[in-house]
PDB file of N, CA and C in Angstrom:
ATOM      1  N   MET A   1       0.763  -0.997   0.083  1.00  0.00           N
ATOM      2  CA  MET A   1      -0.202  -0.138   0.075  1.00  0.00           C
ATOM      3  C   MET A   1       1.094   1.181   0.133  1.00  0.00           C
ATOM      4  N   GLN A   2       0.642   1.922  -0.831  1.00  0.00           N
ATOM      5  CA  GLN A   2       1.361   3.150  -1.057  1.00  0.00           C
ATOM      6  C   GLN A   2       0.805   4.390  -0.532  1.00  0.00           C
ATOM      7  N   THR A   3       1.689   4.893  -0.026  1.00  0.00           N
ATOM      8  CA  THR A   3       0.782   6.503   0.373  1.00  0.00           C
ATOM      9  C   THR A   3       1.603   7.644  -0.584  1.00  0.00           C
ATOM     10  N   GLN A   4       1.007   8.756  -0.291  1.00  0.00           N
ATOM     11  CA  GLN A   4       1.377   9.796  -0.648  1.00  0.00           C
ATOM     12  C   GLN A   4       2.587  10.460  -0.609  1.00  0.00           C
ATOM     13  N   ASN A   5       3.083   9.961   0.467  1.00  0.00           N
ATOM     14  CA  ASN A   5       4.092  10.403   1.376  1.00  0.00           C
ATOM     15  C   ASN A   5       5.201   9.649   1.519  1.00  0.00           C
ATOM     16  N   ARG A   6       6.383  10.012   0.628  1.00  0.00           N
ATOM     17  CA  ARG A   6       7.404   8.781   0.358  1.00  0.00           C
ATOM     18  C   ARG A   6       8.317   8.493   2.142  1.00  0.00           C
ATOM     19  N   LEU A   7       8.507   9.571   2.924  1.00  0.00           N
ATOM     20  CA  LEU A   7       8.863   9.289   4.043  1.00  0.00           C
ATOM     21  C   LEU A   7       8.269   8.097   4.848  1.00  0.00           C
ATOM     22  N   LEU A   8       6.932   8.650   4.681  1.00  0.00           N
ATOM     23  CA  LEU A   8       5.932   7.344   5.293  1.00  0.00           C
ATOM     24  C   LEU A   8       6.420   5.962   4.991  1.00  0.00           C
ATOM     25  N   ASP A   9       6.436   5.779   3.607  1.00  0.00           N
ATOM     26  CA  ASP A   9       6.719   4.527   3.020  1.00  0.00           C
ATOM     27  C   ASP A   9       7.765   3.760   3.836  1.00  0.00           C
ATOM     28  N   ASP A  10       9.067   4.971   3.692  1.00  0.00           N
ATOM     29  CA  ASP A  10      10.353   4.363   4.220  1.00  0.00           C
ATOM     30  C   ASP A  10      10.172   3.890   5.858  1.00  0.00           C
ATOM     31  N   LEU A  11       9.554   4.482   6.334  1.00  0.00           N
ATOM     32  CA  LEU A  11       9.607   4.402   7.870  1.00  0.00           C
ATOM     33  C   LEU A  11       8.891   3.224   8.064  1.00  0.00           C
ATOM     34  N   ALA A  12       7.696   2.943   7.570  1.00  0.00           N
ATOM     35  CA  ALA A  12       6.853   1.674   7.254  1.00  0.00           C
ATOM     36  C   ALA A  12       7.847   0.303   7.014  1.00  0.00           C
ATOM     37  N   ARG A  13       8.525   0.444   6.093  1.00  0.00           N
ATOM     38  CA  ARG A  13       9.614  -0.234   5.895  1.00  0.00           C
ATOM     39  C   ARG A  13      10.439  -0.799   6.938  1.00  0.00           C
ATOM     40  N   VAL A  14      11.341   0.457   7.196  1.00  0.00           N
ATOM     41  CA  VAL A  14      12.361   0.509   8.337  1.00  0.00           C
ATOM     42  C   VAL A  14      11.635  -0.421   9.689  1.00  0.00           C
ATOM     43  N   ALA A  15      10.280  -0.040  10.076  1.00  0.00           N
ATOM     44  CA  ALA A  15       9.766  -0.606  10.848  1.00  0.00           C
ATOM     45  C   ALA A  15       9.299  -2.228  10.872  1.00  0.00           C
ATOM     46  N   THR A  16       8.954  -2.199   9.816  1.00  0.00           N
ATOM     47  CA  THR A  16       8.519  -3.783   9.262  1.00  0.00           C
ATOM     48  C   THR A  16       9.997  -4.712   9.495  1.00  0.00           C
ATOM     49  N   GLY A  17      10.794  -4.194   8.898  1.00  0.00           N
ATOM     50  CA  GLY A  17      12.184  -4.576   9.195  1.00  0.00           C
ATOM     51  C   GLY A  17      12.794  -4.838  10.624  1.00  0.00           C
ATOM     52  N   ALA A  18      12.639  -4.233  11.413  1.00  0.00           N
ATOM     53  CA  ALA A  18      12.982  -4.082  12.909  1.00  0.00           C
ATOM     54  C   ALA A  18      12.132  -4.936  13.621  1.00  0.00           C
ATOM     55  N   LEU A  19      11.123  -5.326  13.514  1.00  0.00           N
ATOM     56  CA  LEU A  19      10.238  -6.038  13.794  1.00  0.00           C
ATOM     57  C   LEU A  19      10.747  -7.472  13.694  1.00  0.00           C
ATOM     58  N   GLY A  20      10.681  -7.717  12.054  1.00  0.00           N
ATOM     59  CA  GLY A  20      11.105  -8.916  12.128  1.00  0.00           C
ATOM     60  C   GLY A  20      13.106  -9.259  12.740  1.00  0.00           C
ATOM     61  N   VAL A  21      13.456  -8.462  12.674  1.00  0.00           N
ATOM     62  CA  VAL A  21      14.817  -8.537  13.309  1.00  0.00           C
ATOM     63  C   VAL A  21      14.743  -8.939  14.886  1.00  0.00           C
ATOM     64  N   ALA A  22      14.051  -8.018  15.411  1.00  0.00           N
ATOM     65  CA  ALA A  22      13.423  -8.315  16.914  1.00  0.00           C
ATOM     66  C   ALA A  22      12.770  -9.530  17.175  1.00  0.00           C
ATOM     67  N   ALA A  23      11.891 -10.293  15.984  1.00  0.00           N
ATOM     68  CA  ALA A  23      11.401 -11.654  16.090  1.00  0.00           C
ATOM     69  C   ALA A  23      12.523 -12.710  16.106  1.00  0.00           C
ATOM     70  N   GLY A  24      13.341 -12.209  15.225  1.00  0.00           N
ATOM     71  CA  GLY A  24      14.360 -13.404  14.853  1.00  0.00           C
ATOM     72  C   GLY A  24      15.283 -13.118  16.278  1.00  0.00           C
ATOM     73  N   MET A  25      15.653 -12.024  16.716  1.00  0.00           N
ATOM     74  CA  MET A  25      16.490 -11.850  17.937  1.00  0.00           C
ATOM     75  C   MET A  25      16.054 -13.077  19.157  1.00  0.00           C
ATOM     76  N   ARG A  26      14.945 -12.542  19.152  1.00  0.00           N
ATOM     77  CA  ARG A  26      13.894 -13.459  20.026  1.00  0.00           C
ATOM     78  C   ARG A  26      14.028 -14.644  20.149  1.00  0.00           C
ATOM     79  N   ALA A  27      13.622 -15.481  19.163  1.00  0.00           N
ATOM     80  CA  ALA A  27      13.951 -16.761  18.724  1.00  0.00           C
ATOM     81  C   ALA A  27      15.425 -17.229  19.339  1.00  0.00           C
ATOM     82  N   GLU A  28      16.393 -16.652  18.939  1.00  0.00           N
ATOM     83  CA  GLU A  28      17.847 -17.073  19.005  1.00  0.00           C
ATOM     84  C   GLU A  28      17.816 -16.760  20.330  1.00  0.00           C
ATOM     85  N   ILE A  29      17.549 -15.925  21.297  1.00  0.00           N
ATOM     86  CA  ILE A  29      17.997 -16.006  22.692  1.00  0.00           C
ATOM     87  C   ILE A  29      16.794 -16.876  23.552  1.00  0.00           C
ATOM     88  N   GLU A  30      16.181 -17.368  23.009  1.00  0.00           N
ATOM     89  CA  GLU A  30      15.246 -18.264  23.343  1.00  0.00           C
ATOM     90  C   GLU A  30      15.782 -19.621  23.560  1.00  0.00           C
ATOM     91  N   ALA A  31      16.445 -19.876  22.356  1.00  0.00           N
ATOM     92  CA  ALA A  31      17.163 -21.040  22.141  1.00  0.00           C
ATOM     93  C   ALA A  31      18.535 -20.916  22.728  1.00  0.00           C
ATOM     94  N   ARG A  32      19.130 -20.076  22.824  1.00  0.00           N
ATOM     95  CA  ARG A  32      20.418 -20.322  23.849  1.00  0.00           C
ATOM     96  C   ARG A  32      20.079 -20.450  25.083  1.00  0.00           C
ATOM     97  N   LEU A  33      18.977 -19.628  25.483  1.00  0.00           N
ATOM     98  CA  LEU A  33      18.831 -19.638  26.929  1.00  0.00           C
ATOM     99  C   LEU A  33      18.354 -21.414  27.415  1.00  0.00           C
ATOM    100  N   ARG A  34      17.408 -21.803  26.550  1.00  0.00           N
ATOM    101  CA  ARG A  34      17.215 -22.983  26.442  1.00  0.00           C
ATOM    102  C   ARG A  34      18.324 -24.398  26.688  1.00  0.00           C
ATOM    103  N   ASP A  35      19.236 -24.003  25.645  1.00  0.00           N
ATOM    104  CA  ASP A  35      20.418 -24.792  25.387  1.00  0.00           C
ATOM    105  C   ASP A  35      21.512 -24.504  26.836  1.00  0.00           C
ATOM    106  N   GLN A  36      21.709 -23.376  27.383  1.00  0.00           N
ATOM    107  CA  GLN A  36      22.312 -23.081  28.792  1.00  0.00           C
ATOM    108  C   GLN A  36      21.487 -23.768  29.760  1.00  0.00           C
ATOM    109  N   PHE A  37      19.983 -23.876  30.031  1.00  0.00           N
ATOM    110  CA  PHE A  37      19.295 -24.760  30.950  1.00  0.00           C
ATOM    111  C   PHE A  37      19.562 -25.802  31.005  1.00  0.00           C
ATOM    112  N   GLU A  38      19.430 -26.535  29.710  1.00  0.00           N
ATOM    113  CA  GLU A  38      19.529 -27.987  29.544  1.00  0.00           C
ATOM    114  C   GLU A  38      21.031 -28.380  29.838  1.00  0.00           C
ATOM    115  N   ARG A  39      22.015 -27.614  29.336  1.00  0.00           N
ATOM    116  CA  ARG A  39      23.396 -27.959  30.014  1.00  0.00           C
ATOM    117  C   ARG A  39      23.010 -27.981  31.617  1.00  0.00           C
ATOM    118  N   ALA A  40      22.891 -26.615  32.189  1.00  0.00           N
ATOM    119  CA  ALA A  40      23.093 -26.625  33.643  1.00  0.00           C
ATOM    120  C   ALA A  40      22.626 -27.953  34.179  1.00  0.00           C
ATOM    121  N   LEU A  41      20.783 -28.141  33.894  1.00  0.00           N
ATOM    122  CA  LEU A  41      20.583 -29.581  34.301  1.00  0.00           C
ATOM    123  C   LEU A  41      21.057 -30.862  34.042  1.00  0.00           C
ATOM    124  N   SER A  42      21.554 -30.708  33.038  1.00  0.00           N
ATOM    125  CA  SER A  42      22.243 -32.313  32.799  1.00  0.00           C
ATOM    126  C   SER A  42      23.262 -32.212  33.537  1.00  0.00           C
ATOM    127  N   GLY A  43      24.187 -31.245  34.182  1.00  0.00           N
ATOM    128  CA  GLY A  43      25.256 -31.424  35.096  1.00  0.00           C
ATOM    129  C   GLY A  43      24.425 -31.896  36.505  1.00  0.00           C
ATOM    130  N   MET A  44      23.370 -31.703  36.850  1.00  0.00           N
ATOM    131  CA  MET A  44      22.824 -32.359  38.295  1.00  0.00           C
ATOM    132  C   MET A  44      22.093 -33.229  38.226  1.00  0.00           C
ATOM    133  N   ASP A  45      22.229 -34.175  39.201  1.00  0.00           N
ATOM    134  CA  ASP A  45      21.718 -35.459  39.196  1.00  0.00           C
ATOM    135  C   ASP A  45      20.523 -35.765  39.612  1.00  0.00           C
ATOM    136  N   LEU A  46      19.603 -35.474  38.340  1.00  0.00           N
ATOM    137  CA  LEU A  46      18.408 -35.427  38.484  1.00  0.00           C
ATOM    138  C   LEU A  46      17.465 -36.190  37.937  1.00  0.00           C
ATOM    139  N   VAL A  47      16.211 -36.756  38.086  1.00  0.00           N
ATOM    140  CA  VAL A  47      15.865 -38.040  37.389  1.00  0.00           C
ATOM    141  C   VAL A  47      15.280 -37.627  36.188  1.00  0.00           C
ATOM    142  N   SER A  48      14.681 -38.471  35.258  1.00  0.00           N
ATOM    143  CA  SER A  48      13.633 -37.964  34.188  1.00  0.00           C
ATOM    144  C   SER A  48      12.478 -38.131  34.538  1.00  0.00           C
ATOM    145  N   ARG A  49      11.584 -37.510  34.138  1.00  0.00           N
ATOM    146  CA  ARG A  49      10.181 -37.703  34.458  1.00  0.00           C
ATOM    147  C   ARG A  49       9.830 -39.297  34.230  1.00  0.00           C
ATOM    148  N   GLU A  50      10.285 -40.074  33.342  1.00  0.00           N
ATOM    149  CA  GLU A  50       9.658 -41.492  32.647  1.00  0.00           C
ATOM    150  C   GLU A  50      10.279 -42.051  34.101  1.00  0.00           C
ATOM    151  N   GLU A  51      11.494 -41.990  34.818  1.00  0.00           N
ATOM    152  CA  GLU A  51      11.930 -42.856  35.819  1.00  0.00           C
ATOM    153  C   GLU A  51      11.184 -42.428  37.165  1.00  0.00           C
ATOM    154  N   PHE A  52      10.594 -41.317  37.282  1.00  0.00           N
ATOM    155  CA  PHE A  52      10.063 -40.830  38.628  1.00  0.00           C
ATOM    156  C   PHE A  52       8.985 -41.554  38.372  1.00  0.00           C
ATOM    157  N   ASP A  53       8.137 -41.720  37.161  1.00  0.00           N
ATOM    158  CA  ASP A  53       6.580 -42.115  37.382  1.00  0.00           C
ATOM    159  C   ASP A  53       6.842 -43.803  37.390  1.00  0.00           C
ATOM    160  N   ALA A  54       7.749 -44.406  36.463  1.00  0.00           N
ATOM    161  CA  ALA A  54       8.103 -45.461  37.358  1.00  0.00           C
ATOM    162  C   ALA A  54       8.269 -46.000  38.916  1.00  0.00           C
ATOM    163  N   VAL A  55       8.729 -44.968  39.202  1.00  0.00           N
ATOM    164  CA  VAL A  55       9.254 -45.102  40.634  1.00  0.00           C
ATOM    165  C   VAL A  55       7.832 -45.093  41.519  1.00  0.00           C
ATOM    166  N   LYS A  56       7.131 -44.172  41.207  1.00  0.00           N
ATOM    167  CA  LYS A  56       5.908 -43.730  41.781  1.00  0.00           C
ATOM    168  C   LYS A  56       4.979 -44.575  41.799  1.00  0.00           C
ATOM    169  N   ALA A  57       5.168 -45.308  40.473  1.00  0.00           N
ATOM    170  CA  ALA A  57       3.912 -46.614  40.136  1.00  0.00           C
ATOM    171  C   ALA A  57       4.377 -48.008  41.146  1.00  0.00           C
ATOM    172  N   MET A  58       5.611 -47.846  41.194  1.00  0.00           N
ATOM    173  CA  MET A  58       6.248 -49.049  42.055  1.00  0.00           C
ATOM    174  C   MET A  58       5.947 -48.848  43.417  1.00  0.00           C
ATOM    175  N   ALA A  59       6.063 -47.453  43.936  1.00  0.00           N
ATOM    176  CA  ALA A  59       5.905 -47.143  45.396  1.00  0.00           C
ATOM    177  C   ALA A  59       4.444 -47.488  45.539  1.00  0.00           C
ATOM    178  N   ALA A  60       3.184 -47.226  44.772  1.00  0.00           N
ATOM    179  CA  ALA A  60       2.074 -47.182  45.041  1.00  0.00           C
ATOM    180  C   ALA A  60       1.751 -48.812  44.789  1.00  0.00           C
ATOM    181  N   LYS A  61       2.212 -49.512  44.255  1.00  0.00           N
ATOM    182  CA  LYS A  61       2.385 -51.231  44.145  1.00  0.00           C
ATOM    183  C   LYS A  61       2.204 -51.575  45.325  1.00  0.00           C
ATOM    184  N   ALA A  62       3.391 -51.279  45.859  1.00  0.00           N
ATOM    185  CA  ALA A  62       3.849 -51.931  47.274  1.00  0.00           C
ATOM    186  C   ALA A  62       3.017 -51.179  48.429  1.00  0.00           C
ATOM    187  N   ARG A  63       2.329 -50.136  48.377  1.00  0.00           N
ATOM    188  CA  ARG A  63       1.792 -49.420  49.470  1.00  0.00           C
ATOM    189  C   ARG A  63       0.478 -50.448  49.360  1.00  0.00           C
ATOM    190  N   ALA A  64       0.102 -50.878  48.078  1.00  0.00           N
ATOM    191  CA  ALA A  64      -1.276 -51.665  48.064  1.00  0.00           C
ATOM    192  C   ALA A  64      -1.108 -52.876  48.314  1.00  0.00           C
ATOM    193  N   GLU A  65       0.016 -53.612  47.932  1.00  0.00           N
ATOM    194  CA  GLU A  65       0.220 -54.849  48.370  1.00  0.00           C
ATOM    195  C   GLU A  65       0.529 -55.030  49.894  1.00  0.00           C
ATOM    196  N   GLN A  66       1.070 -53.885  50.613  1.00  0.00           N
ATOM    197  CA  GLN A  66       1.149 -53.811  52.130  1.00  0.00           C
ATOM    198  C   GLN A  66       0.397 -53.886  52.825  1.00  0.00           C
ATOM    199  N   GLU A  67      -0.915 -52.828  52.117  1.00  0.00           N
ATOM    200  CA  GLU A  67      -2.428 -52.762  53.045  1.00  0.00           C
ATOM    201  C   GLU A  67      -3.091 -54.324  52.596  1.00  0.00           C
ATOM    202  N   ASP A  68      -2.982 -54.884  51.313  1.00  0.00           N
ATOM    203  CA  ASP A  68      -3.725 -56.186  51.210  1.00  0.00           C
ATOM    204  C   ASP A  68      -3.217 -57.103  52.080  1.00  0.00           C
ATOM    205  N   LEU A  69      -1.729 -57.153  52.383  1.00  0.00           N
ATOM    206  CA  LEU A  69      -1.482 -58.408  53.597  1.00  0.00           C
ATOM    207  C   LEU A  69      -1.577 -57.733  54.998  1.00  0.00           C
ATOM    208  N   GLY A  70      -1.850 -56.204  55.300  1.00  0.00           N
ATOM    209  CA  GLY A  70      -2.249 -56.334  56.499  1.00  0.00           C
ATOM    210  C   GLY A  70      -3.711 -56.751  56.686  1.00  0.00           C
ATOM    211  N   ALA A  71      -4.399 -56.393  55.814  1.00  0.00           N
ATOM    212  CA  ALA A  71      -5.774 -56.521  55.858  1.00  0.00           C
ATOM    213  C   ALA A  71      -5.885 -58.317  55.962  1.00  0.00           C
ATOM    214  N   ARG A  72      -5.245 -59.227  55.436  1.00  0.00           N
ATOM    215  CA  ARG A  72      -5.343 -60.424  55.304  1.00  0.00           C
ATOM    216  C   ARG A  72      -4.632 -61.069  56.678  1.00  0.00           C
ATOM    217  N   LEU A  73      -3.341 -60.268  57.055  1.00  0.00           N
ATOM    218  CA  LEU A  73      -2.836 -60.786  58.553  1.00  0.00           C
ATOM    219  C   LEU A  73      -3.901 -60.764  59.934  1.00  0.00           C
ATOM    220  N   ALA A  74      -4.758 -59.111  59.304  1.00  0.00           N
ATOM    221  CA  ALA A  74      -5.651 -59.392  60.641  1.00  0.00           C
ATOM    222  C   ALA A  74      -6.967 -60.100  60.281  1.00  0.00           C
ATOM    223  N   ALA A  75      -7.104 -60.579  59.360  1.00  0.00           N
ATOM    224  CA  ALA A  75      -8.142 -61.635  58.969  1.00  0.00           C
ATOM    225  C   ALA A  75      -7.834 -62.876  59.428  1.00  0.00           C
ATOM    226  N   LEU A  76      -6.539 -63.321  59.298  1.00  0.00           N
ATOM    227  CA  LEU A  76      -6.336 -64.811  60.025  1.00  0.00           C
ATOM    228  C   LEU A  76      -6.278 -64.375  61.420  1.00  0.00           C
ATOM    229  N   GLU A  77      -5.766 -63.498  62.082  1.00  0.00           N
ATOM    230  CA  GLU A  77      -5.604 -63.331  63.318  1.00  0.00           C
ATOM    231  C   GLU A  77      -7.002 -63.268  63.990  1.00  0.00           C
ATOM    232  N   ALA A  78      -8.072 -62.539  63.455  1.00  0.00           N
ATOM    233  CA  ALA A  78      -9.277 -62.841  64.031  1.00  0.00           C
ATOM    234  C   ALA A  78      -9.868 -63.970  64.005  1.00  0.00           C
ATOM    235  N   GLN A  79      -9.485 -65.048  62.550  1.00  0.00           N
ATOM    236  CA  GLN A  79      -9.831 -66.181  62.648  1.00  0.00           C
ATOM    237  C   GLN A  79      -9.385 -67.118  63.708  1.00  0.00           C
ATOM    238  N   LEU A  80      -8.192 -66.819  63.908  1.00  0.00           N
ATOM    239  CA  LEU A  80      -7.486 -67.681  65.381  1.00  0.00           C
ATOM    240  C   LEU A  80      -7.843 -67.229  66.318  1.00  0.00           C
ATOM    241  N   GLY A  81      -8.618 -66.154  66.699  1.00  0.00           N
ATOM    242  CA  GLY A  81      -8.784 -65.342  67.932  1.00  0.00           C
ATOM    243  C   GLY A  81      -7.753 -65.111  68.690  1.00  0.00           C
ATOM    244  N   LYS A  82      -6.515 -64.785  67.993  1.00  0.00           N
ATOM    245  CA  LYS A  82      -5.424 -64.053  68.674  1.00  0.00           C
ATOM    246  C   LYS A  82      -4.932 -62.728  68.275  1.00  0.00           C
ATOM    247  N   ALA A  83      -5.774 -62.272  68.684  1.00  0.00           N
ATOM    248  CA  ALA A  83      -5.490 -60.400  68.024  1.00  0.00           C
ATOM    249  C   ALA A  83      -4.400 -59.971  68.739  1.00  0.00           C
ATOM    250  N   PRO A  84      -3.407 -59.268  68.471  1.00  0.00           N
ATOM    251  CA  PRO A  84      -2.148 -58.991  68.893  1.00  0.00           C
ATOM    252  C   PRO A  84      -2.436 -57.673  69.803  1.00  0.00           C
ATOM    253  N   LYS A  85      -1.690 -58.080  71.063  1.00  0.00           N
ATOM    254  CA  LYS A  85      -1.812 -56.848  71.976  1.00  0.00           C
ATOM    255  C   LYS A  85      -0.894 -56.093  71.752  1.00  0.00           C
ATOM    256  N   PRO A  86      -0.693 -54.759  71.307  1.00  0.00           N
ATOM    257  CA  PRO A  86       0.702 -54.080  71.175  1.00  0.00           C
ATOM    258  C   PRO A  86       1.162 -53.757  72.405  1.00  0.00           C
ATOM    259  N   LYS A  87       0.946 -53.423  73.371  1.00  0.00           N
ATOM    260  CA  LYS A  87       1.737 -53.340  74.591  1.00  0.00           C
ATOM    261  C   LYS A  87       2.613 -54.632  75.039  1.00  0.00           C
ATOM    262  N   LYS A  88       1.845 -55.495  75.063  1.00  0.00           N
ATOM    263  CA  LYS A  88       2.886 -56.763  75.052  1.00  0.00           C
ATOM    264  C   LYS A  88       3.793 -57.363  74.459  1.00  0.00           C
ATOM    265  N   ALA A  89       3.449 -57.125  72.965  1.00  0.00           N
ATOM    266  CA  ALA A  89       4.567 -57.303  72.330  1.00  0.00           C
ATOM    267  C   ALA A  89       5.625 -56.326  72.106  1.00  0.00           C
ATOM    268  N   ALA A  90       5.235 -54.970  72.311  1.00  0.00           N
ATOM    269  CA  ALA A  90       6.420 -54.499  72.564  1.00  0.00           C
ATOM    270  C   ALA A  90       6.958 -54.197  73.941  1.00  0.00           C
ATOM    271  N   LYS A  91       6.741 -54.884  74.961  1.00  0.00           N
ATOM    272  CA  LYS A  91       7.380 -54.989  76.192  1.00  0.00           C
ATOM    273  C   LYS A  91       8.368 -56.848  75.677  1.00  0.00           C
ATOM    274  N   LYS A  92       7.857 -57.568  74.850  1.00  0.00           N
ATOM    275  CA  LYS A  92       8.689 -58.497  74.606  1.00  0.00           C
ATOM    276  C   LYS A  92       9.653 -58.197  73.719  1.00  0.00           C
ATOM    277  N   VAL A  93       9.462 -57.325  72.863  1.00  0.00           N
ATOM    278  CA  VAL A  93      10.705 -56.631  72.089  1.00  0.00           C
ATOM    279  C   VAL A  93      11.790 -55.890  73.180  1.00  0.00           C
ATOM    280  N   ALA A  94      11.115 -55.330  73.655  1.00  0.00           N
ATOM    281  CA  ALA A  94      12.472 -54.195  74.527  1.00  0.00           C
ATOM    282  C   ALA A  94      12.970 -55.346  75.586  1.00  0.00           C
ATOM    283  N   ALA A  95      12.429 -56.537  75.916  1.00  0.00           N
ATOM    284  CA  ALA A  95      13.028 -57.444  76.654  1.00  0.00           C
ATOM    285  C   ALA A  95      14.184 -58.106  75.818  1.00  0.00           C
ATOM    286  N   LYS A  96      13.798 -58.811  74.870  1.00  0.00           N
ATOM    287  CA  LYS A  96      15.170 -59.519  73.950  1.00  0.00           C
ATOM    288  C   LYS A  96      16.012 -58.496  73.918  1.00  0.00           C
ATOM    289  N   LYS A  97      16.018 -57.482  73.709  1.00  0.00           N
ATOM    290  CA  LYS A  97      16.969 -56.241  73.652  1.00  0.00           C
ATOM    291  C   LYS A  97      17.821 -56.090  74.151  1.00  0.00           C
ATOM    292  N   ALA A  98      17.379 -56.274  75.824  1.00  0.00           N
ATOM    293  CA  ALA A  98      18.219 -55.968  76.706  1.00  0.00           C
ATOM    294  C   ALA A  98      18.696 -57.375  77.719  1.00  0.00           C
TER     295      ALA A  98
END
């Protein structure tokens, strides 16, 4: 789009060029910052998200199994009529240590 004033046309072209250069500089700065952060993080002893999720799943499975075993133990103790008495069990452990 041409205007009657040639000076305004030149200013518009300069502004358009400056915006293009600014966008290019922004992309370059972001890329360099990303590279710097990746280098810094790779030097640290951090786990990846995949490793974290795998360990989290293992812990959840272990907790579920532990709760299941606890419930099974309580049911077996109830069948035997020998529900453990925590105070006596603690005294036996303390006596064995002494």
